[in-house]
Amino acid sequence: MYWLAEICVRRPVFALMIVMALVVAGIAAFPQLGVDRFPNMDLPTVYVRTSYPGAASQEVESEVTQMLEDAVATVAGIDELRSISSDSQSLVIVTFNLTRDIDAAVQDVRDAISSVLNLLPPDIDPPVVKKQDTDASPIMTLAVAGPRTPSELYFLADRSVKNVIESAPGVGQVLIVGAADRAVQVNIDA
C-alpha cells in the first residue's frame, strides 16, 4: 500500500483523474442496476400443508403433524424441520441446505409423505407440498378497524372488502386473518 500513497503524493493530478474516472463509471452504471423487491431466487424451503376438518389442534398434532414430521425427517439434506398445528390445520416447514436442489427436495418430500398417507386419518384433505415462492409473497396487508364488534368487522371484510379486492386484475389470493368467523353458541340448562 506504500506504493499507492507514493503515487498520490508524487502525481496528485494522476490520482485525482483515477478517482474521477471511478466516480464517473459509478454514476454511469447506477441506472443500469436492477432493482427488485423480490429477486428471482429459489429458497430451500418446502411447506407441507394439511387440512383436517373439525379436528382440535392436539388431535392434528398427534395424528397428522407428528406422522408427517417423522416421514419427512428421513429426507436427506434437511437443515431445519419445524411444524405448526392449529385447529383443522397442520403446517410442516422443511428448510434444506443451500446446496440441495430444491426441485429434487420437493419430490423427495412428496415421496416421503406418500409412504405414510395410509397411516393418516381417512377424513383429512391430501397434504399439499409447495416450495417457497418469493413471487407469491403478499405485497399488501390491510387492516380493518372501527367502532363495530370483531365479528361484524369480519363479516364486513369477508362479504364486501374481500370480493372487491379479489376482482382486481392481478390479485391471486385474498386471506382474512385475525378474527373468527360467525358461530352459533347454544347454552343448555339441564
N, C-alpha and C. Protein backbone atom coordinates (compact mmCIF):
# COMPACT_ATOMS: atom_id res chain seq x y z
N MET A 1 0.82 -1.19 0.00
CA MET A 1 0.00 0.00 0.00
C MET A 1 0.87 1.26 0.00
N TYR A 2 2.14 1.08 0.32
CA TYR A 2 3.04 2.23 0.34
C TYR A 2 3.15 2.83 -1.05
N TRP A 3 3.20 1.99 -2.09
CA TRP A 3 3.35 2.49 -3.45
C TRP A 3 2.15 3.34 -3.87
N LEU A 4 0.94 3.03 -3.35
CA LEU A 4 -0.25 3.82 -3.68
C LEU A 4 -0.14 5.21 -3.08
N ALA A 5 0.30 5.29 -1.84
CA ALA A 5 0.48 6.60 -1.20
C ALA A 5 1.56 7.40 -1.91
N GLU A 6 2.60 6.71 -2.36
CA GLU A 6 3.70 7.40 -3.05
C GLU A 6 3.22 7.99 -4.38
N ILE A 7 2.40 7.24 -5.14
CA ILE A 7 1.87 7.76 -6.41
C ILE A 7 0.99 8.97 -6.16
N CYS A 8 0.14 8.92 -5.12
CA CYS A 8 -0.77 10.03 -4.84
C CYS A 8 -0.01 11.29 -4.43
N VAL A 9 1.12 11.13 -3.74
CA VAL A 9 1.89 12.29 -3.31
C VAL A 9 2.70 12.84 -4.47
N ARG A 10 3.34 12.00 -5.28
CA ARG A 10 4.18 12.46 -6.38
C ARG A 10 3.38 12.97 -7.56
N ARG A 11 2.25 12.32 -7.86
CA ARG A 11 1.43 12.71 -9.01
C ARG A 11 -0.02 12.91 -8.55
N PRO A 12 -0.32 14.03 -7.91
CA PRO A 12 -1.68 14.24 -7.39
C PRO A 12 -2.73 14.37 -8.50
N VAL A 13 -2.37 14.92 -9.65
CA VAL A 13 -3.33 15.06 -10.74
C VAL A 13 -3.71 13.67 -11.28
N PHE A 14 -2.73 12.80 -11.41
CA PHE A 14 -3.00 11.44 -11.87
C PHE A 14 -3.94 10.71 -10.90
N ALA A 15 -3.69 10.85 -9.60
CA ALA A 15 -4.54 10.21 -8.59
C ALA A 15 -5.95 10.78 -8.63
N LEU A 16 -6.06 12.09 -8.82
CA LEU A 16 -7.37 12.72 -8.92
C LEU A 16 -8.13 12.23 -10.14
N MET A 17 -7.45 12.06 -11.27
CA MET A 17 -8.09 11.57 -12.50
C MET A 17 -8.60 10.13 -12.33
N ILE A 18 -7.84 9.30 -11.63
CA ILE A 18 -8.29 7.92 -11.39
C ILE A 18 -9.55 7.93 -10.52
N VAL A 19 -9.55 8.75 -9.48
CA VAL A 19 -10.73 8.85 -8.61
C VAL A 19 -11.93 9.37 -9.40
N MET A 20 -11.73 10.39 -10.22
CA MET A 20 -12.82 10.94 -11.03
C MET A 20 -13.34 9.91 -12.03
N ALA A 21 -12.44 9.10 -12.62
CA ALA A 21 -12.88 8.06 -13.56
C ALA A 21 -13.75 7.03 -12.84
N LEU A 22 -13.37 6.66 -11.62
CA LEU A 22 -14.19 5.71 -10.85
C LEU A 22 -15.55 6.30 -10.50
N VAL A 23 -15.59 7.59 -10.15
CA VAL A 23 -16.86 8.24 -9.83
C VAL A 23 -17.76 8.30 -11.06
N VAL A 24 -17.20 8.68 -12.21
CA VAL A 24 -17.99 8.74 -13.45
C VAL A 24 -18.49 7.35 -13.84
N ALA A 25 -17.65 6.34 -13.71
CA ALA A 25 -18.08 4.97 -14.03
C ALA A 25 -19.20 4.53 -13.09
N GLY A 26 -19.13 4.88 -11.83
CA GLY A 26 -20.20 4.54 -10.88
C GLY A 26 -21.50 5.24 -11.21
N ILE A 27 -21.43 6.52 -11.57
CA ILE A 27 -22.63 7.27 -11.94
C ILE A 27 -23.24 6.71 -13.21
N ALA A 28 -22.41 6.33 -14.18
CA ALA A 28 -22.92 5.77 -15.43
C ALA A 28 -23.53 4.39 -15.21
N ALA A 29 -23.00 3.61 -14.29
CA ALA A 29 -23.51 2.25 -14.05
C ALA A 29 -24.74 2.23 -13.15
N PHE A 30 -24.96 3.27 -12.37
CA PHE A 30 -26.06 3.28 -11.41
C PHE A 30 -27.43 3.05 -12.05
N PRO A 31 -27.79 3.73 -13.15
CA PRO A 31 -29.11 3.48 -13.74
C PRO A 31 -29.27 2.06 -14.31
N GLN A 32 -28.16 1.38 -14.57
CA GLN A 32 -28.24 0.03 -15.14
C GLN A 32 -28.48 -1.05 -14.07
N LEU A 33 -28.38 -0.68 -12.79
CA LEU A 33 -28.58 -1.65 -11.72
C LEU A 33 -30.04 -2.09 -11.68
N GLY A 34 -30.26 -3.38 -11.61
CA GLY A 34 -31.62 -3.90 -11.50
C GLY A 34 -32.09 -3.84 -10.06
N VAL A 35 -33.29 -3.33 -9.87
CA VAL A 35 -33.86 -3.24 -8.53
C VAL A 35 -35.15 -4.05 -8.53
N ASP A 36 -35.24 -4.97 -7.58
CA ASP A 36 -36.42 -5.82 -7.50
C ASP A 36 -36.69 -6.08 -6.03
N ARG A 37 -37.94 -5.89 -5.64
CA ARG A 37 -38.29 -6.11 -4.25
C ARG A 37 -38.09 -7.58 -3.87
N PHE A 38 -38.46 -8.47 -4.78
CA PHE A 38 -38.29 -9.90 -4.55
C PHE A 38 -37.45 -10.46 -5.68
N PRO A 39 -36.13 -10.52 -5.53
CA PRO A 39 -35.29 -11.04 -6.61
C PRO A 39 -35.63 -12.50 -6.92
N ASN A 40 -35.38 -12.90 -8.15
CA ASN A 40 -35.67 -14.26 -8.58
C ASN A 40 -34.67 -15.22 -7.94
N MET A 41 -35.14 -15.98 -6.97
CA MET A 41 -34.27 -16.92 -6.29
C MET A 41 -35.10 -18.07 -5.74
N ASP A 42 -34.49 -19.23 -5.67
CA ASP A 42 -35.14 -20.40 -5.10
C ASP A 42 -34.64 -20.60 -3.68
N LEU A 43 -35.50 -20.34 -2.71
CA LEU A 43 -35.12 -20.56 -1.32
C LEU A 43 -35.31 -22.04 -1.00
N PRO A 44 -34.44 -22.61 -0.20
CA PRO A 44 -34.51 -24.05 0.06
C PRO A 44 -35.53 -24.42 1.14
N THR A 45 -36.76 -23.92 1.00
CA THR A 45 -37.79 -24.18 1.99
C THR A 45 -38.99 -24.82 1.32
N VAL A 46 -39.51 -25.87 1.96
CA VAL A 46 -40.67 -26.60 1.45
C VAL A 46 -41.74 -26.60 2.53
N TYR A 47 -42.99 -26.34 2.13
CA TYR A 47 -44.12 -26.34 3.05
C TYR A 47 -45.03 -27.53 2.76
N VAL A 48 -45.47 -28.19 3.81
CA VAL A 48 -46.45 -29.28 3.69
C VAL A 48 -47.67 -28.86 4.50
N ARG A 49 -48.75 -28.52 3.81
CA ARG A 49 -49.97 -28.05 4.47
C ARG A 49 -51.04 -29.13 4.34
N THR A 50 -51.66 -29.46 5.48
CA THR A 50 -52.69 -30.49 5.51
C THR A 50 -53.89 -29.98 6.29
N SER A 51 -55.08 -30.17 5.76
CA SER A 51 -56.31 -29.80 6.44
C SER A 51 -56.96 -31.03 7.03
N TYR A 52 -57.39 -30.92 8.28
CA TYR A 52 -58.10 -31.99 8.97
C TYR A 52 -59.37 -31.36 9.55
N PRO A 53 -60.42 -31.26 8.74
CA PRO A 53 -61.63 -30.53 9.15
C PRO A 53 -62.21 -31.05 10.45
N GLY A 54 -62.51 -30.11 11.35
CA GLY A 54 -63.17 -30.43 12.60
C GLY A 54 -62.27 -30.93 13.71
N ALA A 55 -60.98 -31.05 13.48
CA ALA A 55 -60.07 -31.60 14.50
C ALA A 55 -59.48 -30.48 15.35
N ALA A 56 -59.30 -30.78 16.64
CA ALA A 56 -58.65 -29.84 17.54
C ALA A 56 -57.15 -29.86 17.29
N SER A 57 -56.47 -28.84 17.77
CA SER A 57 -55.03 -28.73 17.50
C SER A 57 -54.23 -29.90 18.07
N GLN A 58 -54.63 -30.43 19.24
CA GLN A 58 -53.92 -31.57 19.82
C GLN A 58 -54.10 -32.81 18.94
N GLU A 59 -55.29 -32.98 18.41
CA GLU A 59 -55.57 -34.12 17.54
C GLU A 59 -54.78 -33.99 16.23
N VAL A 60 -54.73 -32.78 15.69
CA VAL A 60 -53.95 -32.54 14.47
C VAL A 60 -52.48 -32.84 14.73
N GLU A 61 -51.99 -32.41 15.89
CA GLU A 61 -50.58 -32.63 16.23
C GLU A 61 -50.25 -34.12 16.31
N SER A 62 -51.07 -34.88 17.03
CA SER A 62 -50.74 -36.28 17.26
C SER A 62 -51.03 -37.18 16.06
N GLU A 63 -52.10 -36.91 15.31
CA GLU A 63 -52.49 -37.82 14.24
C GLU A 63 -51.97 -37.44 12.86
N VAL A 64 -51.62 -36.15 12.67
CA VAL A 64 -51.19 -35.72 11.34
C VAL A 64 -49.76 -35.18 11.37
N THR A 65 -49.55 -34.12 12.14
CA THR A 65 -48.26 -33.43 12.11
C THR A 65 -47.10 -34.34 12.49
N GLN A 66 -47.26 -35.10 13.57
CA GLN A 66 -46.17 -35.96 14.02
C GLN A 66 -45.84 -37.03 12.98
N MET A 67 -46.87 -37.59 12.34
CA MET A 67 -46.64 -38.60 11.30
C MET A 67 -45.89 -38.00 10.11
N LEU A 68 -46.30 -36.79 9.70
CA LEU A 68 -45.65 -36.13 8.57
C LEU A 68 -44.21 -35.76 8.91
N GLU A 69 -43.99 -35.25 10.12
CA GLU A 69 -42.63 -34.90 10.54
C GLU A 69 -41.71 -36.12 10.52
N ASP A 70 -42.21 -37.23 11.06
CA ASP A 70 -41.39 -38.45 11.09
C ASP A 70 -41.05 -38.92 9.68
N ALA A 71 -41.99 -38.80 8.76
CA ALA A 71 -41.75 -39.23 7.38
C ALA A 71 -40.77 -38.30 6.68
N VAL A 72 -40.96 -36.99 6.86
CA VAL A 72 -40.12 -36.00 6.17
C VAL A 72 -38.71 -35.98 6.75
N ALA A 73 -38.56 -36.33 8.02
CA ALA A 73 -37.24 -36.30 8.66
C ALA A 73 -36.25 -37.25 8.01
N THR A 74 -36.74 -38.21 7.24
CA THR A 74 -35.84 -39.17 6.59
C THR A 74 -35.23 -38.63 5.30
N VAL A 75 -35.71 -37.49 4.82
CA VAL A 75 -35.20 -36.90 3.57
C VAL A 75 -33.81 -36.32 3.83
N ALA A 76 -32.91 -36.51 2.88
CA ALA A 76 -31.52 -36.05 3.03
C ALA A 76 -31.41 -34.55 2.83
N GLY A 77 -30.46 -33.93 3.53
CA GLY A 77 -30.13 -32.53 3.33
C GLY A 77 -30.96 -31.54 4.11
N ILE A 78 -31.68 -31.99 5.14
CA ILE A 78 -32.53 -31.09 5.92
C ILE A 78 -31.67 -30.28 6.88
N ASP A 79 -31.89 -28.98 6.89
CA ASP A 79 -31.20 -28.09 7.81
C ASP A 79 -32.06 -27.84 9.05
N GLU A 80 -33.37 -27.66 8.84
CA GLU A 80 -34.28 -27.38 9.95
C GLU A 80 -35.66 -27.94 9.61
N LEU A 81 -36.33 -28.48 10.62
CA LEU A 81 -37.67 -29.04 10.45
C LEU A 81 -38.55 -28.47 11.56
N ARG A 82 -39.59 -27.72 11.17
CA ARG A 82 -40.50 -27.11 12.13
C ARG A 82 -41.93 -27.47 11.77
N SER A 83 -42.83 -27.32 12.72
CA SER A 83 -44.24 -27.58 12.42
C SER A 83 -45.12 -26.68 13.26
N ILE A 84 -46.31 -26.43 12.72
CA ILE A 84 -47.33 -25.64 13.41
C ILE A 84 -48.63 -26.42 13.30
N SER A 85 -49.23 -26.71 14.43
CA SER A 85 -50.52 -27.40 14.44
C SER A 85 -51.56 -26.48 15.05
N SER A 86 -52.64 -26.27 14.34
CA SER A 86 -53.74 -25.46 14.84
C SER A 86 -55.03 -26.21 14.56
N ASP A 87 -56.14 -25.63 14.95
CA ASP A 87 -57.43 -26.28 14.71
C ASP A 87 -57.61 -26.51 13.22
N SER A 88 -57.77 -27.75 12.84
CA SER A 88 -58.05 -28.19 11.46
C SER A 88 -56.89 -28.00 10.49
N GLN A 89 -55.72 -27.54 10.93
CA GLN A 89 -54.61 -27.27 10.02
C GLN A 89 -53.29 -27.81 10.58
N SER A 90 -52.49 -28.34 9.68
CA SER A 90 -51.13 -28.76 10.01
C SER A 90 -50.19 -28.15 8.98
N LEU A 91 -49.12 -27.55 9.46
CA LEU A 91 -48.12 -26.97 8.56
C LEU A 91 -46.75 -27.48 9.00
N VAL A 92 -46.07 -28.17 8.10
CA VAL A 92 -44.71 -28.64 8.35
C VAL A 92 -43.79 -27.83 7.44
N ILE A 93 -42.78 -27.19 8.04
CA ILE A 93 -41.85 -26.33 7.31
C ILE A 93 -40.49 -27.01 7.31
N VAL A 94 -40.01 -27.33 6.12
CA VAL A 94 -38.74 -28.04 5.96
C VAL A 94 -37.75 -27.10 5.27
N THR A 95 -36.66 -26.78 5.95
CA THR A 95 -35.62 -25.94 5.37
C THR A 95 -34.42 -26.83 5.04
N PHE A 96 -33.97 -26.77 3.80
CA PHE A 96 -32.87 -27.60 3.34
C PHE A 96 -31.58 -26.80 3.30
N ASN A 97 -30.46 -27.51 3.19
CA ASN A 97 -29.16 -26.86 3.00
C ASN A 97 -29.18 -26.11 1.67
N LEU A 98 -28.40 -25.05 1.58
CA LEU A 98 -28.38 -24.24 0.35
C LEU A 98 -27.86 -25.02 -0.85
N THR A 99 -27.08 -26.05 -0.60
CA THR A 99 -26.51 -26.83 -1.71
C THR A 99 -27.50 -27.83 -2.28
N ARG A 100 -28.62 -28.04 -1.61
CA ARG A 100 -29.61 -29.05 -2.04
C ARG A 100 -30.46 -28.49 -3.18
N ASP A 101 -30.63 -29.28 -4.23
CA ASP A 101 -31.50 -28.91 -5.34
C ASP A 101 -32.94 -28.91 -4.83
N ILE A 102 -33.60 -27.76 -4.90
CA ILE A 102 -34.92 -27.61 -4.29
C ILE A 102 -35.98 -28.44 -5.01
N ASP A 103 -35.88 -28.58 -6.33
CA ASP A 103 -36.88 -29.38 -7.05
C ASP A 103 -36.77 -30.86 -6.68
N ALA A 104 -35.56 -31.35 -6.53
CA ALA A 104 -35.37 -32.73 -6.09
C ALA A 104 -35.83 -32.90 -4.65
N ALA A 105 -35.61 -31.88 -3.82
CA ALA A 105 -36.04 -31.94 -2.43
C ALA A 105 -37.56 -32.00 -2.33
N VAL A 106 -38.25 -31.21 -3.16
CA VAL A 106 -39.72 -31.24 -3.16
C VAL A 106 -40.21 -32.63 -3.54
N GLN A 107 -39.59 -33.23 -4.53
CA GLN A 107 -40.01 -34.57 -4.95
C GLN A 107 -39.73 -35.60 -3.85
N ASP A 108 -38.59 -35.46 -3.17
CA ASP A 108 -38.28 -36.38 -2.07
C ASP A 108 -39.29 -36.24 -0.93
N VAL A 109 -39.70 -35.00 -0.64
CA VAL A 109 -40.71 -34.78 0.41
C VAL A 109 -42.04 -35.40 0.00
N ARG A 110 -42.42 -35.23 -1.26
CA ARG A 110 -43.67 -35.85 -1.75
C ARG A 110 -43.62 -37.37 -1.62
N ASP A 111 -42.48 -37.95 -1.98
CA ASP A 111 -42.33 -39.40 -1.87
C ASP A 111 -42.42 -39.86 -0.41
N ALA A 112 -41.79 -39.12 0.49
CA ALA A 112 -41.83 -39.48 1.91
C ALA A 112 -43.25 -39.40 2.46
N ILE A 113 -43.98 -38.37 2.04
CA ILE A 113 -45.36 -38.22 2.52
C ILE A 113 -46.26 -39.30 1.95
N SER A 114 -46.07 -39.64 0.69
CA SER A 114 -46.92 -40.67 0.09
C SER A 114 -46.71 -42.03 0.76
N SER A 115 -45.56 -42.23 1.38
CA SER A 115 -45.31 -43.51 2.06
C SER A 115 -46.10 -43.64 3.36
N VAL A 116 -46.58 -42.52 3.92
CA VAL A 116 -47.36 -42.59 5.17
C VAL A 116 -48.81 -42.16 5.00
N LEU A 117 -49.24 -41.93 3.78
CA LEU A 117 -50.63 -41.48 3.56
C LEU A 117 -51.65 -42.46 4.13
N ASN A 118 -51.38 -43.75 4.03
CA ASN A 118 -52.34 -44.73 4.53
C ASN A 118 -52.39 -44.78 6.06
N LEU A 119 -51.43 -44.16 6.74
CA LEU A 119 -51.42 -44.12 8.20
C LEU A 119 -52.14 -42.89 8.75
N LEU A 120 -52.45 -41.93 7.87
CA LEU A 120 -53.12 -40.70 8.29
C LEU A 120 -54.62 -40.94 8.39
N PRO A 121 -55.34 -40.11 9.15
CA PRO A 121 -56.79 -40.27 9.25
C PRO A 121 -57.45 -40.19 7.87
N PRO A 122 -58.50 -40.96 7.63
CA PRO A 122 -59.10 -41.01 6.30
C PRO A 122 -59.84 -39.73 5.89
N ASP A 123 -60.27 -38.91 6.86
CA ASP A 123 -61.05 -37.73 6.50
C ASP A 123 -60.22 -36.46 6.37
N ILE A 124 -58.89 -36.58 6.26
CA ILE A 124 -58.07 -35.39 6.02
C ILE A 124 -58.07 -35.06 4.53
N ASP A 125 -57.81 -33.80 4.23
CA ASP A 125 -57.57 -33.42 2.84
C ASP A 125 -56.14 -33.84 2.52
N PRO A 126 -55.86 -34.22 1.28
CA PRO A 126 -54.49 -34.66 0.95
C PRO A 126 -53.47 -33.56 1.24
N PRO A 127 -52.31 -33.92 1.78
CA PRO A 127 -51.27 -32.92 2.05
C PRO A 127 -50.82 -32.22 0.76
N VAL A 128 -50.62 -30.92 0.85
CA VAL A 128 -50.18 -30.11 -0.28
C VAL A 128 -48.72 -29.73 -0.02
N VAL A 129 -47.84 -30.10 -0.95
CA VAL A 129 -46.41 -29.82 -0.82
C VAL A 129 -46.05 -28.70 -1.79
N LYS A 130 -45.48 -27.62 -1.26
CA LYS A 130 -45.09 -26.48 -2.10
C LYS A 130 -43.72 -25.99 -1.66
N LYS A 131 -42.95 -25.54 -2.64
CA LYS A 131 -41.69 -24.88 -2.29
C LYS A 131 -41.98 -23.40 -2.10
N GLN A 132 -41.13 -22.74 -1.33
CA GLN A 132 -41.33 -21.32 -1.07
C GLN A 132 -41.13 -20.54 -2.36
N ASP A 133 -42.09 -19.70 -2.67
CA ASP A 133 -42.06 -18.90 -3.89
C ASP A 133 -42.09 -17.43 -3.50
N THR A 134 -41.00 -16.71 -3.77
CA THR A 134 -40.95 -15.30 -3.39
C THR A 134 -41.94 -14.47 -4.19
N ASP A 135 -42.32 -14.92 -5.38
CA ASP A 135 -43.31 -14.18 -6.16
C ASP A 135 -44.71 -14.31 -5.58
N ALA A 136 -44.94 -15.30 -4.73
CA ALA A 136 -46.26 -15.50 -4.14
C ALA A 136 -46.39 -14.82 -2.78
N SER A 137 -45.36 -14.10 -2.36
CA SER A 137 -45.41 -13.41 -1.07
C SER A 137 -46.40 -12.27 -1.14
N PRO A 138 -47.06 -11.98 0.00
CA PRO A 138 -48.03 -10.89 -0.03
C PRO A 138 -47.35 -9.56 -0.29
N ILE A 139 -47.99 -8.76 -1.11
CA ILE A 139 -47.43 -7.45 -1.39
C ILE A 139 -48.24 -6.35 -0.74
N MET A 140 -49.35 -6.71 -0.12
CA MET A 140 -50.16 -5.71 0.55
C MET A 140 -50.84 -6.35 1.76
N THR A 141 -50.85 -5.62 2.86
CA THR A 141 -51.56 -6.05 4.05
C THR A 141 -52.48 -4.91 4.46
N LEU A 142 -53.74 -5.21 4.62
CA LEU A 142 -54.72 -4.20 5.02
C LEU A 142 -55.27 -4.55 6.39
N ALA A 143 -55.57 -3.54 7.18
CA ALA A 143 -56.19 -3.74 8.49
C ALA A 143 -57.56 -3.08 8.48
N VAL A 144 -58.52 -3.75 9.07
CA VAL A 144 -59.87 -3.21 9.16
C VAL A 144 -60.14 -2.93 10.63
N ALA A 145 -60.52 -1.70 10.94
CA ALA A 145 -60.80 -1.31 12.32
C ALA A 145 -62.00 -0.39 12.32
N GLY A 146 -62.65 -0.31 13.44
CA GLY A 146 -63.80 0.58 13.55
C GLY A 146 -64.55 0.36 14.84
N PRO A 147 -65.65 1.09 15.00
CA PRO A 147 -66.41 1.01 16.24
C PRO A 147 -67.32 -0.23 16.32
N ARG A 148 -67.18 -1.15 15.40
CA ARG A 148 -68.02 -2.36 15.40
C ARG A 148 -67.33 -3.49 16.16
N THR A 149 -68.09 -4.55 16.42
CA THR A 149 -67.52 -5.71 17.10
C THR A 149 -66.62 -6.47 16.13
N PRO A 150 -65.69 -7.28 16.65
CA PRO A 150 -64.82 -8.05 15.75
C PRO A 150 -65.59 -8.95 14.78
N SER A 151 -66.68 -9.54 15.23
CA SER A 151 -67.44 -10.41 14.32
C SER A 151 -68.11 -9.60 13.21
N GLU A 152 -68.57 -8.39 13.51
CA GLU A 152 -69.15 -7.53 12.47
C GLU A 152 -68.08 -7.09 11.48
N LEU A 153 -66.89 -6.77 11.99
CA LEU A 153 -65.79 -6.38 11.10
C LEU A 153 -65.38 -7.55 10.21
N TYR A 154 -65.36 -8.75 10.77
CA TYR A 154 -65.03 -9.93 9.97
C TYR A 154 -66.06 -10.12 8.87
N PHE A 155 -67.33 -10.00 9.22
CA PHE A 155 -68.40 -10.16 8.24
C PHE A 155 -68.27 -9.12 7.13
N LEU A 156 -67.99 -7.87 7.49
CA LEU A 156 -67.81 -6.80 6.51
C LEU A 156 -66.62 -7.10 5.60
N ALA A 157 -65.49 -7.49 6.19
CA ALA A 157 -64.29 -7.78 5.40
C ALA A 157 -64.52 -8.98 4.49
N ASP A 158 -65.19 -10.01 5.00
CA ASP A 158 -65.38 -11.24 4.22
C ASP A 158 -66.39 -11.04 3.09
N ARG A 159 -67.47 -10.32 3.35
CA ARG A 159 -68.54 -10.21 2.35
C ARG A 159 -68.35 -9.04 1.38
N SER A 160 -67.68 -7.98 1.80
CA SER A 160 -67.58 -6.79 0.95
C SER A 160 -66.16 -6.54 0.44
N VAL A 161 -65.24 -6.32 1.37
CA VAL A 161 -63.88 -5.91 1.01
C VAL A 161 -63.17 -7.01 0.23
N LYS A 162 -63.29 -8.24 0.68
CA LYS A 162 -62.59 -9.36 0.03
C LYS A 162 -63.02 -9.51 -1.42
N ASN A 163 -64.31 -9.41 -1.70
CA ASN A 163 -64.81 -9.56 -3.07
C ASN A 163 -64.28 -8.47 -3.99
N VAL A 164 -64.21 -7.25 -3.50
CA VAL A 164 -63.72 -6.14 -4.33
C VAL A 164 -62.24 -6.34 -4.65
N ILE A 165 -61.45 -6.73 -3.66
CA ILE A 165 -60.01 -6.91 -3.88
C ILE A 165 -59.76 -8.11 -4.79
N GLU A 166 -60.51 -9.21 -4.60
CA GLU A 166 -60.32 -10.39 -5.44
C GLU A 166 -60.65 -10.13 -6.90
N SER A 167 -61.56 -9.21 -7.15
CA SER A 167 -61.95 -8.93 -8.54
C SER A 167 -60.96 -8.02 -9.25
N ALA A 168 -60.00 -7.44 -8.54
CA ALA A 168 -58.99 -6.58 -9.17
C ALA A 168 -58.05 -7.44 -10.01
N PRO A 169 -57.63 -6.93 -11.17
CA PRO A 169 -56.72 -7.72 -12.02
C PRO A 169 -55.36 -7.93 -11.34
N GLY A 170 -54.83 -9.15 -11.48
CA GLY A 170 -53.52 -9.48 -10.94
C GLY A 170 -53.53 -9.99 -9.51
N VAL A 171 -54.68 -10.02 -8.87
CA VAL A 171 -54.77 -10.49 -7.49
C VAL A 171 -54.91 -12.00 -7.50
N GLY A 172 -54.00 -12.69 -6.82
CA GLY A 172 -54.03 -14.15 -6.80
C GLY A 172 -54.85 -14.71 -5.66
N GLN A 173 -54.72 -14.12 -4.47
CA GLN A 173 -55.40 -14.68 -3.31
C GLN A 173 -55.59 -13.59 -2.27
N VAL A 174 -56.71 -13.64 -1.59
CA VAL A 174 -57.00 -12.71 -0.50
C VAL A 174 -57.32 -13.55 0.72
N LEU A 175 -56.61 -13.31 1.81
CA LEU A 175 -56.83 -14.04 3.05
C LEU A 175 -57.29 -13.08 4.13
N ILE A 176 -58.24 -13.51 4.94
CA ILE A 176 -58.68 -12.73 6.09
C ILE A 176 -58.18 -13.47 7.33
N VAL A 177 -57.38 -12.79 8.13
CA VAL A 177 -56.82 -13.41 9.32
C VAL A 177 -57.06 -12.51 10.53
N GLY A 178 -57.04 -13.11 11.70
CA GLY A 178 -57.11 -12.32 12.92
C GLY A 178 -58.46 -12.29 13.59
N ALA A 179 -59.50 -12.79 12.97
CA ALA A 179 -60.82 -12.79 13.59
C ALA A 179 -61.50 -14.11 13.27
N ALA A 180 -62.42 -14.46 14.13
CA ALA A 180 -63.14 -15.72 13.94
C ALA A 180 -64.40 -15.48 13.12
N ASP A 181 -64.75 -16.47 12.33
CA ASP A 181 -65.98 -16.42 11.56
C ASP A 181 -67.16 -16.55 12.52
N ARG A 182 -68.33 -16.20 12.04
CA ARG A 182 -69.53 -16.29 12.86
C ARG A 182 -69.76 -17.73 13.30
N ALA A 183 -70.25 -17.86 14.52
CA ALA A 183 -70.57 -19.18 15.06
C ALA A 183 -71.82 -19.04 15.92
N VAL A 184 -72.49 -20.12 16.11
CA VAL A 184 -73.68 -20.14 16.95
C VAL A 184 -73.32 -20.82 18.26
N GLN A 185 -73.62 -20.14 19.35
CA GLN A 185 -73.35 -20.71 20.66
C GLN A 185 -74.68 -21.08 21.30
N VAL A 186 -74.81 -22.33 21.70
CA VAL A 186 -76.05 -22.82 22.32
C VAL A 186 -75.74 -23.22 23.75
N ASN A 187 -76.43 -22.61 24.69
CA ASN A 187 -76.28 -22.96 26.10
C ASN A 187 -77.52 -23.72 26.54
N ILE A 188 -77.33 -24.89 27.10
CA ILE A 188 -78.45 -25.72 27.52
C ILE A 188 -78.45 -25.78 29.04
N ASP A 189 -79.59 -25.42 29.63
CA ASP A 189 -79.75 -25.54 31.08
C ASP A 189 -80.33 -26.91 31.38
N ALA A 190 -79.65 -27.65 32.20
CA ALA A 190 -80.14 -29.00 32.50
C ALA A 190 -80.92 -29.04 33.77
